[in-house]
C-alpha atoms as a PDB file:
ATOM      1  CA  MET A   1     -89.257 -79.850  75.786  1.00  0.00           C
ATOM      2  CA  THR A   2     -93.048 -79.542  76.009  1.00  0.00           C
ATOM      3  CA  ASP A   3     -94.595 -80.574  79.325  1.00  0.00           C
ATOM      4  CA  PHE A   4     -97.614 -82.574  78.181  1.00  0.00           C
ATOM      5  CA  THR A   5     -98.946 -82.827  81.769  1.00  0.00           C
ATOM      6  CA  LEU A   6     -99.331 -79.027  82.070  1.00  0.00           C
ATOM      7  CA  GLY A   7    -102.695 -77.968  83.486  1.00  0.00           C
ATOM      8  CA  SER A   8    -104.134 -81.501  83.638  1.00  0.00           C
ATOM      9  CA  VAL A   9    -105.162 -81.077  87.282  1.00  0.00           C
ATOM     10  CA  ILE A  10    -106.963 -77.837  88.119  1.00  0.00           C
ATOM     11  CA  SER A  11    -107.930 -78.347  91.759  1.00  0.00           C
ATOM     12  CA  SER A  12    -108.666 -80.819  94.542  1.00  0.00           C
ATOM     13  CA  ARG A  13    -111.730 -80.721  96.770  1.00  0.00           C
ATOM     14  CA  ILE A  14    -112.584 -82.495 100.011  1.00  0.00           C
ATOM     15  CA  ARG A  15    -116.231 -82.473 101.093  1.00  0.00           C
ATOM     16  CA  LEU A  16    -117.565 -83.912 104.346  1.00  0.00           C
ATOM     17  CA  ALA A  17    -121.268 -84.594 104.948  1.00  0.00           C
ATOM     18  CA  ARG A  18    -122.387 -84.266 108.569  1.00  0.00           C
ATOM     19  CA  ASP A  19    -125.721 -84.230 110.376  1.00  0.00           C
ATOM     20  CA  ILE A  20    -126.641 -83.130 113.886  1.00  0.00           C
ATOM     21  CA  ASN A  21    -128.099 -85.458 116.498  1.00  0.00           C
ATOM     22  CA  GLY A  22    -131.632 -84.586 117.565  1.00  0.00           C
ATOM     23  CA  TYR A  23    -132.725 -82.883 114.337  1.00  0.00           C
ATOM     24  CA  ALA A  24    -134.517 -84.308 111.315  1.00  0.00           C
ATOM     25  CA  PHE A  25    -132.573 -84.229 108.056  1.00  0.00           C
ATOM     26  CA  PRO A  26    -132.969 -80.874 106.214  1.00  0.00           C
ATOM     27  CA  ALA A  27    -135.611 -82.169 103.769  1.00  0.00           C
ATOM     28  CA  ARG A  28    -137.751 -83.202 106.754  1.00  0.00           C
ATOM     29  CA  LEU A  29    -137.373 -80.099 108.891  1.00  0.00           C
ATOM     30  CA  GLN A  30    -140.829 -78.921 109.849  1.00  0.00           C
ATOM     31  CA  SER A  31    -140.155 -75.211 110.173  1.00  0.00           C
ATOM     32  CA  ASN A  32    -137.569 -72.611 109.373  1.00  0.00           C
ATOM     33  CA  LYS A  33    -137.329 -72.019 113.145  1.00  0.00           C
ATOM     34  CA  GLN A  34    -135.493 -75.350 113.441  1.00  0.00           C
ATOM     35  CA  ALA A  35    -133.408 -74.471 110.404  1.00  0.00           C
ATOM     36  CA  LYS A  36    -132.361 -71.153 111.962  1.00  0.00           C
ATOM     37  CA  GLU A  37    -131.467 -72.956 115.222  1.00  0.00           C
ATOM     38  CA  ILE A  38    -129.107 -75.205 113.269  1.00  0.00           C
ATOM     39  CA  ILE A  39    -127.605 -72.236 111.414  1.00  0.00           C
ATOM     40  CA  ARG A  40    -126.973 -70.368 114.665  1.00  0.00           C
ATOM     41  CA  SER A  41    -125.387 -73.353 116.438  1.00  0.00           C
ATOM     42  CA  VAL A  42    -123.127 -74.193 113.477  1.00  0.00           C
ATOM     43  CA  SER A  43    -122.134 -70.543 113.040  1.00  0.00           C
ATOM     44  CA  ALA A  44    -121.290 -70.214 116.745  1.00  0.00           C
ATOM     45  CA  ALA A  45    -119.119 -73.356 116.628  1.00  0.00           C
ATOM     46  CA  VAL A  46    -117.320 -72.426 113.417  1.00  0.00           C
ATOM     47  CA  ASN A  47    -116.551 -68.826 114.330  1.00  0.00           C
ATOM     48  CA  LYS A  48    -114.664 -70.009 117.408  1.00  0.00           C
ATOM     49  CA  LEU A  49    -112.162 -71.562 114.991  1.00  0.00           C
ATOM     50  CA  ASP A  50    -111.538 -68.889 112.393  1.00  0.00           C
ATOM     51  CA  GLU A  51    -112.958 -65.831 110.649  1.00  0.00           C
ATOM     52  CA  PHE A  52    -115.933 -66.981 108.582  1.00  0.00           C
ATOM     53  CA  ARG A  53    -118.638 -64.855 106.980  1.00  0.00           C
ATOM     54  CA  LEU A  54    -122.215 -66.080 107.334  1.00  0.00           C
ATOM     55  CA  TYR A  55    -124.487 -65.812 104.286  1.00  0.00           C
ATOM     56  CA  TYR A  56    -128.216 -66.463 104.790  1.00  0.00           C
ATOM     57  CA  MET A  57    -129.550 -67.602 101.430  1.00  0.00           C
ATOM     58  CA  ASP A  58    -132.720 -65.559 101.964  1.00  0.00           C
ATOM     59  CA  GLY A  59    -130.667 -62.523 102.980  1.00  0.00           C
ATOM     60  CA  ILE A  60    -128.487 -62.048  99.895  1.00  0.00           C
ATOM     61  CA  SER A  61    -129.340 -61.039  96.339  1.00  0.00           C
ATOM     62  CA  GLU A  62    -129.896 -63.577  93.591  1.00  0.00           C
ATOM     63  CA  GLU A  63    -126.749 -62.195  91.901  1.00  0.00           C
ATOM     64  CA  ASP A  64    -124.609 -62.774  94.994  1.00  0.00           C
ATOM     65  CA  ALA A  65    -126.039 -66.257  95.443  1.00  0.00           C
ATOM     66  CA  GLN A  66    -125.333 -67.228  91.832  1.00  0.00           C
ATOM     67  CA  SER A  67    -121.824 -65.805  92.149  1.00  0.00           C
ATOM     68  CA  LEU A  68    -121.173 -68.156  95.088  1.00  0.00           C
ATOM     69  CA  VAL A  69    -122.305 -71.053  92.882  1.00  0.00           C
ATOM     70  CA  GLU A  70    -120.082 -69.898  90.011  1.00  0.00           C
ATOM     71  CA  ASN A  71    -117.128 -69.753  92.402  1.00  0.00           C
ATOM     72  CA  HIS A  72    -117.808 -73.335  93.584  1.00  0.00           C
ATOM     73  CA  LEU A  73    -118.404 -72.092  97.140  1.00  0.00           C
ATOM     74  CA  ILE A  74    -121.975 -73.400  97.355  1.00  0.00           C
ATOM     75  CA  SER A  75    -124.076 -75.833  95.337  1.00  0.00           C
ATOM     76  CA  PRO A  76    -127.222 -74.958  93.346  1.00  0.00           C
ATOM     77  CA  ALA A  77    -129.104 -77.294  95.717  1.00  0.00           C
ATOM     78  CA  LEU A  78    -128.473 -74.924  98.629  1.00  0.00           C
ATOM     79  CA  LEU A  79    -130.672 -72.300  96.905  1.00  0.00           C
ATOM     80  CA  ARG A  80    -133.746 -74.497  96.598  1.00  0.00           C
ATOM     81  CA  ARG A  81    -135.047 -73.581 100.059  1.00  0.00           C
ATOM     82  CA  PRO A  82    -133.435 -70.210 100.838  1.00  0.00           C
ATOM     83  CA  THR A  83    -135.350 -69.618 104.081  1.00  0.00           C
ATOM     84  CA  PHE A  84    -133.834 -72.828 105.485  1.00  0.00           C
ATOM     85  CA  SER A  85    -130.229 -72.543 104.298  1.00  0.00           C
ATOM     86  CA  ALA A  86    -127.003 -70.609 104.799  1.00  0.00           C
ATOM     87  CA  ALA A  87    -123.262 -70.829 104.140  1.00  0.00           C
ATOM     88  CA  LEU A  88    -120.139 -69.991 106.110  1.00  0.00           C
ATOM     89  CA  ILE A  89    -117.130 -68.988 103.988  1.00  0.00           C
ATOM     90  CA  ASN A  90    -113.637 -68.168 105.233  1.00  0.00           C
ATOM     91  CA  GLU A  91    -111.739 -65.025 104.252  1.00  0.00           C
ATOM     92  CA  GLU A  92    -109.381 -66.935 101.957  1.00  0.00           C
ATOM     93  CA  GLY A  93    -112.365 -68.355 100.055  1.00  0.00           C
ATOM     94  CA  ASN A  94    -111.045 -71.926 100.035  1.00  0.00           C
ATOM     95  CA  ILE A  95    -113.229 -73.352 102.825  1.00  0.00           C
ATOM     96  CA  SER A  96    -117.004 -73.195 102.869  1.00  0.00           C
ATOM     97  CA  ILE A  97    -119.624 -74.874 105.033  1.00  0.00           C
ATOM     98  CA  MET A  98    -123.099 -75.197 103.565  1.00  0.00           C
ATOM     99  CA  ILE A  99    -125.856 -75.456 106.170  1.00  0.00           C
ATOM    100  CA  ASN A 100    -129.116 -77.311 105.524  1.00  0.00           C
ATOM    101  CA  GLU A 101    -128.413 -78.447 101.974  1.00  0.00           C
ATOM    102  CA  GLU A 102    -129.028 -82.225 101.704  1.00  0.00           C
ATOM    103  CA  ASP A 103    -127.304 -82.635 105.085  1.00  0.00           C
ATOM    104  CA  HIS A 104    -127.109 -80.219 107.997  1.00  0.00           C
ATOM    105  CA  LEU A 105    -123.466 -79.546 107.156  1.00  0.00           C
ATOM    106  CA  ARG A 106    -121.562 -79.902 103.898  1.00  0.00           C
ATOM    107  CA  GLU A 107    -117.992 -78.884 104.755  1.00  0.00           C
ATOM    108  CA  GLN A 108    -115.601 -78.397 101.857  1.00  0.00           C
ATOM    109  CA  CYS A 109    -112.034 -77.317 101.218  1.00  0.00           C
ATOM    110  CA  ILE A 110    -110.658 -76.593  97.729  1.00  0.00           C
ATOM    111  CA  VAL A 111    -106.939 -76.294  96.917  1.00  0.00           C
ATOM    112  CA  LYS A 112    -105.087 -75.812  93.637  1.00  0.00           C
ATOM    113  CA  GLY A 113    -103.482 -78.771  91.902  1.00  0.00           C
ATOM    114  CA  LEU A 114    -103.465 -82.391  93.069  1.00  0.00           C
ATOM    115  CA  ASP A 115    -103.380 -82.300  96.874  1.00  0.00           C
ATOM    116  CA  LEU A 116    -106.333 -84.211  98.277  1.00  0.00           C
ATOM    117  CA  ARG A 117    -104.392 -85.120 101.397  1.00  0.00           C
ATOM    118  CA  GLY A 118    -103.529 -81.496 102.119  1.00  0.00           C
ATOM    119  CA  ALA A 119    -107.156 -80.431 101.578  1.00  0.00           C
ATOM    120  CA  TYR A 120    -108.353 -83.256 103.851  1.00  0.00           C
ATOM    121  CA  GLU A 121    -105.970 -82.271 106.646  1.00  0.00           C
ATOM    122  CA  LYS A 122    -107.260 -78.686 106.541  1.00  0.00           C
ATOM    123  CA  MET A 123    -110.919 -79.725 106.505  1.00  0.00           C
ATOM    124  CA  SER A 124    -110.530 -82.570 109.002  1.00  0.00           C
ATOM    125  CA  GLU A 125    -108.970 -80.251 111.570  1.00  0.00           C
ATOM    126  CA  LYS A 126    -111.988 -77.931 111.369  1.00  0.00           C
ATOM    127  CA  ASP A 127    -114.434 -80.871 111.308  1.00  0.00           C
ATOM    128  CA  THR A 128    -112.958 -82.340 114.495  1.00  0.00           C
ATOM    129  CA  LEU A 129    -113.324 -79.043 116.353  1.00  0.00           C
ATOM    130  CA  ILE A 130    -116.886 -78.533 115.066  1.00  0.00           C
ATOM    131  CA  GLY A 131    -117.724 -82.087 116.178  1.00  0.00           C
ATOM    132  CA  GLN A 132    -116.530 -81.277 119.690  1.00  0.00           C
ATOM    133  CA  ALA A 133    -119.033 -78.410 119.869  1.00  0.00           C
ATOM    134  CA  ILE A 134    -121.947 -80.024 118.009  1.00  0.00           C
ATOM    135  CA  PRO A 135    -123.062 -83.674 118.457  1.00  0.00           C
ATOM    136  CA  PHE A 136    -122.870 -85.286 115.004  1.00  0.00           C
ATOM    137  CA  ALA A 137    -125.196 -88.183 114.147  1.00  0.00           C
ATOM    138  CA  TYR A 138    -122.891 -91.203 114.345  1.00  0.00           C
ATOM    139  CA  ASP A 139    -123.259 -94.971 114.603  1.00  0.00           C
ATOM    140  CA  GLU A 140    -120.442 -97.273 115.765  1.00  0.00           C
ATOM    141  CA  GLN A 141    -121.061 -99.725 112.899  1.00  0.00           C
ATOM    142  CA  LEU A 142    -122.286 -97.447 110.104  1.00  0.00           C
ATOM    143  CA  GLY A 143    -120.194 -94.347 110.796  1.00  0.00           C
ATOM    144  CA  TYR A 144    -121.600 -90.874 110.091  1.00  0.00           C
ATOM    145  CA  LEU A 145    -125.353 -90.979 109.438  1.00  0.00           C
ATOM    146  CA  THR A 146    -126.371 -88.925 106.399  1.00  0.00           C
ATOM    147  CA  ALA A 147    -129.537 -88.015 104.512  1.00  0.00           C
ATOM    148  CA  CYS A 148    -128.502 -90.068 101.476  1.00  0.00           C
ATOM    149  CA  PRO A 149    -127.136 -93.622 101.925  1.00  0.00           C
ATOM    150  CA  THR A 150    -124.432 -92.913  99.326  1.00  0.00           C
ATOM    151  CA  ASN A 151    -122.684 -90.665 101.892  1.00  0.00           C
ATOM    152  CA  LEU A 152    -123.021 -93.048 104.831  1.00  0.00           C
ATOM    153  CA  GLY A 153    -119.827 -94.027 106.644  1.00  0.00           C
ATOM    154  CA  THR A 154    -117.024 -91.534 106.199  1.00  0.00           C
ATOM    155  CA  GLY A 155    -119.282 -88.926 104.580  1.00  0.00           C
ATOM    156  CA  LEU A 156    -116.249 -88.094 102.438  1.00  0.00           C
ATOM    157  CA  ARG A 157    -116.188 -87.026  98.795  1.00  0.00           C
ATOM    158  CA  ALA A 158    -112.701 -86.570  97.390  1.00  0.00           C
ATOM    159  CA  SER A 159    -112.915 -84.791  94.024  1.00  0.00           C
ATOM    160  CA  VAL A 160    -110.321 -83.661  91.518  1.00  0.00           C
ATOM    161  CA  MET A 161    -111.097 -81.172  88.737  1.00  0.00           C
ATOM    162  CA  MET A 162    -109.253 -82.152  85.566  1.00  0.00           C
ATOM    163  CA  PHE A 163    -108.609 -80.560  82.166  1.00  0.00           C
ATOM    164  CA  LEU A 164    -108.637 -83.414  79.625  1.00  0.00           C
ATOM    165  CA  PRO A 165    -108.790 -81.995  76.074  1.00  0.00           C
ATOM    166  CA  ALA A 166    -106.681 -84.653  74.343  1.00  0.00           C
ATOM    167  CA  ILE A 167    -108.613 -87.557  75.878  1.00  0.00           C
ATOM    168  CA  ALA A 168    -111.906 -85.902  74.868  1.00  0.00           C
ATOM    169  CA  ILE A 169    -110.767 -85.027  71.335  1.00  0.00           C
ATOM    170  CA  GLY A 170    -109.348 -88.523  70.850  1.00  0.00           C
ATOM    171  CA  GLY A 171    -112.683 -90.104  71.835  1.00  0.00           C
ATOM    172  CA  MET A 172    -111.174 -91.818  74.884  1.00  0.00           C
ATOM    173  CA  MET A 173    -113.502 -90.347  77.520  1.00  0.00           C
ATOM    174  CA  PRO A 174    -116.024 -93.246  77.453  1.00  0.00           C
ATOM    175  CA  ARG A 175    -113.140 -95.586  78.263  1.00  0.00           C
ATOM    176  CA  VAL A 176    -112.016 -93.364  81.152  1.00  0.00           C
ATOM    177  CA  ILE A 177    -115.568 -93.195  82.530  1.00  0.00           C
ATOM    178  CA  GLN A 178    -115.992 -96.974  82.242  1.00  0.00           C
ATOM    179  CA  SER A 179    -112.688 -97.645  84.017  1.00  0.00           C
ATOM    180  CA  ALA A 180    -113.462 -95.135  86.761  1.00  0.00           C
ATOM    181  CA  THR A 181    -116.916 -96.650  87.335  1.00  0.00           C
ATOM    182  CA  ARG A 182    -115.410-100.113  87.603  1.00  0.00           C
ATOM    183  CA  LEU A 183    -113.115 -98.807  90.366  1.00  0.00           C
ATOM    184  CA  GLY A 184    -115.971 -97.222  92.301  1.00  0.00           C
ATOM    185  CA  LEU A 185    -115.334 -93.674  91.070  1.00  0.00           C
ATOM    186  CA  THR A 186    -117.504 -91.321  89.041  1.00  0.00           C
ATOM    187  CA  VAL A 187    -116.840 -88.719  86.339  1.00  0.00           C
ATOM    188  CA  ARG A 188    -118.990 -85.573  86.205  1.00  0.00           C
ATOM    189  CA  GLY A 189    -118.940 -82.045  84.832  1.00  0.00           C
ATOM    190  CA  ALA A 190    -117.271 -79.076  86.508  1.00  0.00           C
ATOM    191  CA  TYR A 191    -120.295 -78.290  88.715  1.00  0.00           C
ATOM    192  CA  GLY A 192    -120.873 -81.843  89.920  1.00  0.00           C
ATOM    193  CA  GLU A 193    -123.889 -84.081  89.571  1.00  0.00           C
ATOM    194  CA  GLY A 194    -126.092 -83.227  86.594  1.00  0.00           C
ATOM    195  CA  SER A 195    -123.654 -80.715  85.082  1.00  0.00           C
ATOM    196  CA  SER A 196    -122.151 -81.065  81.616  1.00  0.00           C
ATOM    197  CA  ALA A 197    -118.412 -81.229  80.940  1.00  0.00           C
ATOM    198  CA  THR A 198    -117.771 -77.883  79.236  1.00  0.00           C
ATOM    199  CA  GLY A 199    -114.302 -76.758  78.225  1.00  0.00           C
ATOM    200  CA  TYR A 200    -112.896 -80.297  78.472  1.00  0.00           C
ATOM    201  CA  THR A 201    -113.248 -80.034  82.269  1.00  0.00           C
ATOM    202  CA  TYR A 202    -114.227 -83.096  84.296  1.00  0.00           C
ATOM    203  CA  GLN A 203    -114.584 -83.890  87.983  1.00  0.00           C
ATOM    204  CA  ILE A 204    -113.296 -87.271  89.211  1.00  0.00           C
ATOM    205  CA  SER A 205    -114.542 -88.406  92.629  1.00  0.00           C
ATOM    206  CA  ASN A 206    -115.220 -91.451  94.798  1.00  0.00           C
ATOM    207  CA  GLU A 207    -118.645 -93.082  94.949  1.00  0.00           C
ATOM    208  CA  VAL A 208    -118.039 -95.437  97.891  1.00  0.00           C
ATOM    209  CA  THR A 209    -117.997 -93.938 101.394  1.00  0.00           C
ATOM    210  CA  LEU A 210    -119.034 -96.933 103.545  1.00  0.00           C
ATOM    211  CA  GLY A 211    -116.659 -99.712 104.601  1.00  0.00           C
ATOM    212  CA  VAL A 212    -113.544 -97.764 103.630  1.00  0.00           C
ATOM    213  CA  THR A 213    -111.311 -95.313 105.464  1.00  0.00           C
ATOM    214  CA  GLU A 214    -110.652 -91.711 104.520  1.00  0.00           C
ATOM    215  CA  ASP A 215    -107.079 -92.691 103.686  1.00  0.00           C
ATOM    216  CA  ASN A 216    -108.307 -95.469 101.357  1.00  0.00           C
ATOM    217  CA  ILE A 217    -110.533 -93.024  99.477  1.00  0.00           C
ATOM    218  CA  ILE A 218    -107.860 -90.350  99.090  1.00  0.00           C
ATOM    219  CA  SER A 219    -105.212 -92.873  97.996  1.00  0.00           C
ATOM    220  CA  GLN A 220    -107.496 -94.480  95.413  1.00  0.00           C
ATOM    221  CA  VAL A 221    -108.696 -91.213  93.856  1.00  0.00           C
ATOM    222  CA  THR A 222    -105.112 -89.884  93.742  1.00  0.00           C
ATOM    223  CA  ALA A 223    -103.840 -93.075  92.078  1.00  0.00           C
ATOM    224  CA  VAL A 224    -106.580 -92.971  89.418  1.00  0.00           C
ATOM    225  CA  VAL A 225    -105.951 -89.278  88.738  1.00  0.00           C
ATOM    226  CA  ASP A 226    -102.226 -89.994  88.293  1.00  0.00           C
ATOM    227  CA  LYS A 227    -103.092 -92.631  85.672  1.00  0.00           C
ATOM    228  CA  ILE A 228    -105.449 -90.258  83.857  1.00  0.00           C
ATOM    229  CA  VAL A 229    -102.722 -87.569  83.817  1.00  0.00           C
ATOM    230  CA  GLU A 230    -100.367 -90.089  82.158  1.00  0.00           C
ATOM    231  CA  MET A 231    -103.041 -91.003  79.612  1.00  0.00           C
ATOM    232  CA  GLU A 232    -103.769 -87.336  78.850  1.00  0.00           C
ATOM    233  CA  ALA A 233    -100.034 -86.645  78.357  1.00  0.00           C
ATOM    234  CA  SER A 234     -99.778 -89.547  75.903  1.00  0.00           C
ATOM    235  CA  GLU A 235    -102.841 -88.335  73.984  1.00  0.00           C
ATOM    236  CA  ARG A 236    -101.463 -84.764  73.847  1.00  0.00           C
ATOM    237  CA  GLU A 237     -98.227 -86.033  72.348  1.00  0.00           C
ATOM    238  CA  ARG A 238    -100.267 -87.931  69.754  1.00  0.00           C
ATOM    239  CA  LEU A 239    -102.315 -84.790  69.014  1.00  0.00           C
ATOM    240  CA  LYS A 240     -99.206 -82.725  68.406  1.00  0.00           C
ATOM    241  CA  LYS A 241     -97.497 -85.301  66.189  1.00  0.00           C
ATOM    242  CA  GLY A 242    -100.490 -86.871  64.443  1.00  0.00           C
ATOM    243  CA  SER A 243    -101.873 -86.240  60.979  1.00  0.00           C
ATOM    244  CA  GLY A 244    -104.377 -83.670  62.216  1.00  0.00           C
ATOM    245  CA  SER A 245    -101.813 -81.674  64.213  1.00  0.00           C
ATOM    246  CA  LEU A 246    -101.897 -78.634  61.906  1.00  0.00           C
ATOM    247  CA  ALA A 247    -105.685 -78.377  62.211  1.00  0.00           C
ATOM    248  CA  ILE A 248    -105.411 -78.583  66.020  1.00  0.00           C
ATOM    249  CA  LYS A 249    -102.744 -75.875  66.040  1.00  0.00           C
ATOM    250  CA  ASP A 250    -104.866 -73.677  63.784  1.00  0.00           C
ATOM    251  CA  LYS A 251    -107.918 -74.108  66.053  1.00  0.00           C
ATOM    252  CA  CYS A 252    -105.878 -73.255  69.147  1.00  0.00           C
ATOM    253  CA  LEU A 253    -104.274 -70.141  67.668  1.00  0.00           C
ATOM    254  CA  ARG A 254    -107.577 -68.951  66.213  1.00  0.00           C
ATOM    255  CA  ALA A 255    -108.968 -69.127  69.771  1.00  0.00           C
ATOM    256  CA  LEU A 256    -106.239 -66.717  70.901  1.00  0.00           C
ATOM    257  CA  GLY A 257    -107.074 -64.420  68.002  1.00  0.00           C
ATOM    258  CA  VAL A 258    -110.773 -64.305  68.803  1.00  0.00           C
ATOM    259  CA  LEU A 259    -110.219 -63.914  72.548  1.00  0.00           C
ATOM    260  CA  THR A 260    -108.064 -60.828  72.022  1.00  0.00           C
ATOM    261  CA  ASN A 261    -109.925 -59.318  69.034  1.00  0.00           C
ATOM    262  CA  CYS A 262    -113.708 -59.333  69.398  1.00  0.00           C
ATOM    263  CA  ALA A 263    -116.503 -57.057  70.561  1.00  0.00           C
ATOM    264  CA  LEU A 264    -119.004 -59.585  71.960  1.00  0.00           C
ATOM    265  CA  MET A 265    -118.509 -62.935  73.640  1.00  0.00           C
ATOM    266  CA  SER A 266    -121.013 -65.196  75.389  1.00  0.00           C
ATOM    267  CA  SER A 267    -120.084 -67.135  78.514  1.00  0.00           C
ATOM    268  CA  GLU A 268    -120.338 -70.465  76.660  1.00  0.00           C
ATOM    269  CA  GLU A 269    -118.120 -69.303  73.788  1.00  0.00           C
ATOM    270  CA  PHE A 270    -115.606 -67.882  76.243  1.00  0.00           C
ATOM    271  CA  VAL A 271    -115.263 -71.217  78.064  1.00  0.00           C
ATOM    272  CA  ASP A 272    -114.745 -73.102  74.788  1.00  0.00           C
ATOM    273  CA  LEU A 273    -112.176 -70.626  73.468  1.00  0.00           C
ATOM    274  CA  CYS A 274    -110.279 -70.591  76.759  1.00  0.00           C
ATOM    275  CA  ALA A 275    -110.178 -74.400  76.642  1.00  0.00           C
ATOM    276  CA  ASP A 276    -108.554 -74.214  73.197  1.00  0.00           C
ATOM    277  CA  LEU A 277    -106.151 -71.560  74.471  1.00  0.00           C
ATOM    278  CA  LYS A 278    -105.179 -73.782  77.402  1.00  0.00           C
ATOM    279  CA  LEU A 279    -104.614 -76.623  74.952  1.00  0.00           C
ATOM    280  CA  ALA A 280    -102.358 -74.310  72.927  1.00  0.00           C
ATOM    281  CA  ALA A 281    -100.260 -73.760  76.058  1.00  0.00           C
ATOM    282  CA  CYS A 282    -100.210 -77.480  76.861  1.00  0.00           C
ATOM    283  CA  LEU A 283     -98.966 -78.314  73.348  1.00  0.00           C
ATOM    284  CA  GLY A 284     -96.351 -75.548  73.378  1.00  0.00           C
ATOM    285  CA  TYR A 285     -97.971 -73.327  70.736  1.00  0.00           C
ATOM    286  CA  VAL A 286     -98.061 -70.356  73.138  1.00  0.00           C
ATOM    287  CA  ASP A 287     -96.286 -69.460  76.371  1.00  0.00           C
ATOM    288  CA  VAL A 288     -98.324 -68.550  79.449  1.00  0.00           C
ATOM    289  CA  THR A 289     -97.198 -66.823  82.619  1.00  0.00           C
ATOM    290  CA  ASP A 290     -99.577 -68.990  84.670  1.00  0.00           C
ATOM    291  CA  ILE A 291    -102.048 -71.496  83.249  1.00  0.00           C
ATOM    292  CA  ASN A 292    -104.077 -71.270  86.481  1.00  0.00           C
ATOM    293  CA  ALA A 293    -104.804 -67.641  85.598  1.00  0.00           C
ATOM    294  CA  ILE A 294    -106.869 -68.852  82.624  1.00  0.00           C
ATOM    295  CA  ASP A 295    -108.944 -71.083  84.922  1.00  0.00           C
ATOM    296  CA  GLU A 296    -109.484 -68.171  87.305  1.00  0.00           C
ATOM    297  CA  LEU A 297    -110.508 -65.913  84.425  1.00  0.00           C
ATOM    298  CA  ILE A 298    -113.090 -68.458  83.226  1.00  0.00           C
ATOM    299  CA  VAL A 299    -114.774 -68.320  86.642  1.00  0.00           C
ATOM    300  CA  LYS A 300    -114.475 -64.535  86.879  1.00  0.00           C
ATOM    301  CA  MET A 301    -116.257 -64.126  83.522  1.00  0.00           C
ATOM    302  CA  LYS A 302    -119.310 -66.206  84.515  1.00  0.00           C
ATOM    303  CA  PRO A 303    -122.551 -64.155  84.162  1.00  0.00           C
ATOM    304  CA  SER A 304    -123.187 -63.192  87.799  1.00  0.00           C
ATOM    305  CA  ASN A 305    -119.497 -62.565  88.433  1.00  0.00           C
ATOM    306  CA  VAL A 306    -119.430 -60.203  85.440  1.00  0.00           C
ATOM    307  CA  ASN A 307    -122.424 -58.276  86.804  1.00  0.00           C
ATOM    308  CA  LEU A 308    -120.753 -57.939  90.197  1.00  0.00           C
ATOM    309  CA  SER A 309    -117.486 -56.876  88.570  1.00  0.00           C
ATOM    310  CA  ALA A 310    -119.321 -54.245  86.530  1.00  0.00           C
ATOM    311  CA  GLY A 311    -121.174 -53.037  89.620  1.00  0.00           C
ATOM    312  CA  ARG A 312    -124.665 -53.415  88.150  1.00  0.00           C
ATOM    313  CA  LYS A 313    -126.968 -55.899  86.421  1.00  0.00           C
ATOM    314  CA  LEU A 314    -126.052 -55.779  82.738  1.00  0.00           C
ATOM    315  CA  THR A 315    -128.176 -56.751  79.774  1.00  0.00           C
ATOM    316  CA  SER A 316    -127.054 -59.888  77.927  1.00  0.00           C
ATOM    317  CA  GLU A 317    -125.367 -57.806  75.206  1.00  0.00           C
ATOM    318  CA  GLU A 318    -123.699 -55.480  77.724  1.00  0.00           C
ATOM    319  CA  ARG A 319    -122.385 -58.509  79.599  1.00  0.00           C
ATOM    320  CA  ASP A 320    -120.997 -60.077  76.423  1.00  0.00           C
ATOM    321  CA  SER A 321    -119.335 -56.759  75.538  1.00  0.00           C
ATOM    322  CA  TYR A 322    -117.831 -56.374  79.021  1.00  0.00           C
ATOM    323  CA  ARG A 323    -116.527 -59.962  78.899  1.00  0.00           C
ATOM    324  CA  ALA A 324    -114.916 -59.441  75.480  1.00  0.00           C
ATOM    325  CA  GLN A 325    -113.138 -56.239  76.539  1.00  0.00           C
ATOM    326  CA  TYR A 326    -112.048 -57.452  79.970  1.00  0.00           C
ATOM    327  CA  ALA A 327    -110.885 -60.858  78.732  1.00  0.00           C
ATOM    328  CA  SER A 328    -108.867 -59.356  75.893  1.00  0.00           C
ATOM    329  CA  LYS A 329    -106.846 -57.216  78.318  1.00  0.00           C
ATOM    330  CA  GLU A 330    -106.290 -60.035  80.800  1.00  0.00           C
ATOM    331  CA  ILE A 331    -105.323 -62.659  78.226  1.00  0.00           C
ATOM    332  CA  SER A 332    -102.834 -60.266  76.643  1.00  0.00           C
ATOM    333  CA  LYS A 333    -101.092 -60.198  80.041  1.00  0.00           C
ATOM    334  CA  ILE A 334    -101.136 -63.976  80.446  1.00  0.00           C
ATOM    335  CA  VAL A 335    -100.164 -65.211  76.956  1.00  0.00           C
ATOM    336  CA  THR A 336     -97.198 -64.624  74.671  1.00  0.00           C
ATOM    337  CA  ARG A 337     -97.158 -66.083  71.150  1.00  0.00           C
ATOM    338  CA  ASN A 338     -94.265 -68.474  70.392  1.00  0.00           C
END
């Protein structure tokens, strides 16, 4: 029997916004001397807890910086003032702490699947220990004080990355967005605010951080995600049994054909074709060893990641050729035709 919930939830992310007492918010820092002081104090506190690597944004190449963005380890906003900003990333690559983005600290933990509570426990443990070493800006009534009022209070963003092809194809996404907004949640693209939803991938997260507890936020986001998973499963069943099912199957299987038999492939085309391939697996048209491997391959084949994999800066055509060859080999390992 086909599991119509397969691959609906890609990952869960917990992000905590924190600022340090005695310093102006990052946008108001007067000199990079103050910025470097903050970086040093945060780095010293964090490295007492675990093995983290420190990346100064003005000390790494543009390629490395963009790769960190592509891997969801830092935000594009962190690169706007490279002389002021840095990031600490653990060896496992699932916890990163951005320094001097919008707030002095943006601490985040990403885990596979739907496990916001597990991600929060990991990040909260580190946050508590950092807070013992560094005085966070905190008010007894308002909670954590942050650069933007939308993060005031808990400073918590609980986000879930979702793969929702059937809802999107069926034209149900406006309804999902409307319902989420009504409940105080927001729906964005894979790279957060301002990003588009490519490859049927959407990020569901809370908007309200003040007047609620961390547990309230996590419970609400999890409950809404569970409902969306049910809705997606229902829409997938309709896709497979509906009048246009043969056309959907043809589109999905053609994606597999192109992915394993082409000479050039752009990043945008690759994302779209992989989305159709994932849908093929979700509808039972192909078997996959691990659907998460497709998600990981999508990230690995982003432009800067391809350049780093190749060991040099490729031309656009060379990059598209490398992607086509590499992806064909990897997808042949992941997918078997039914």
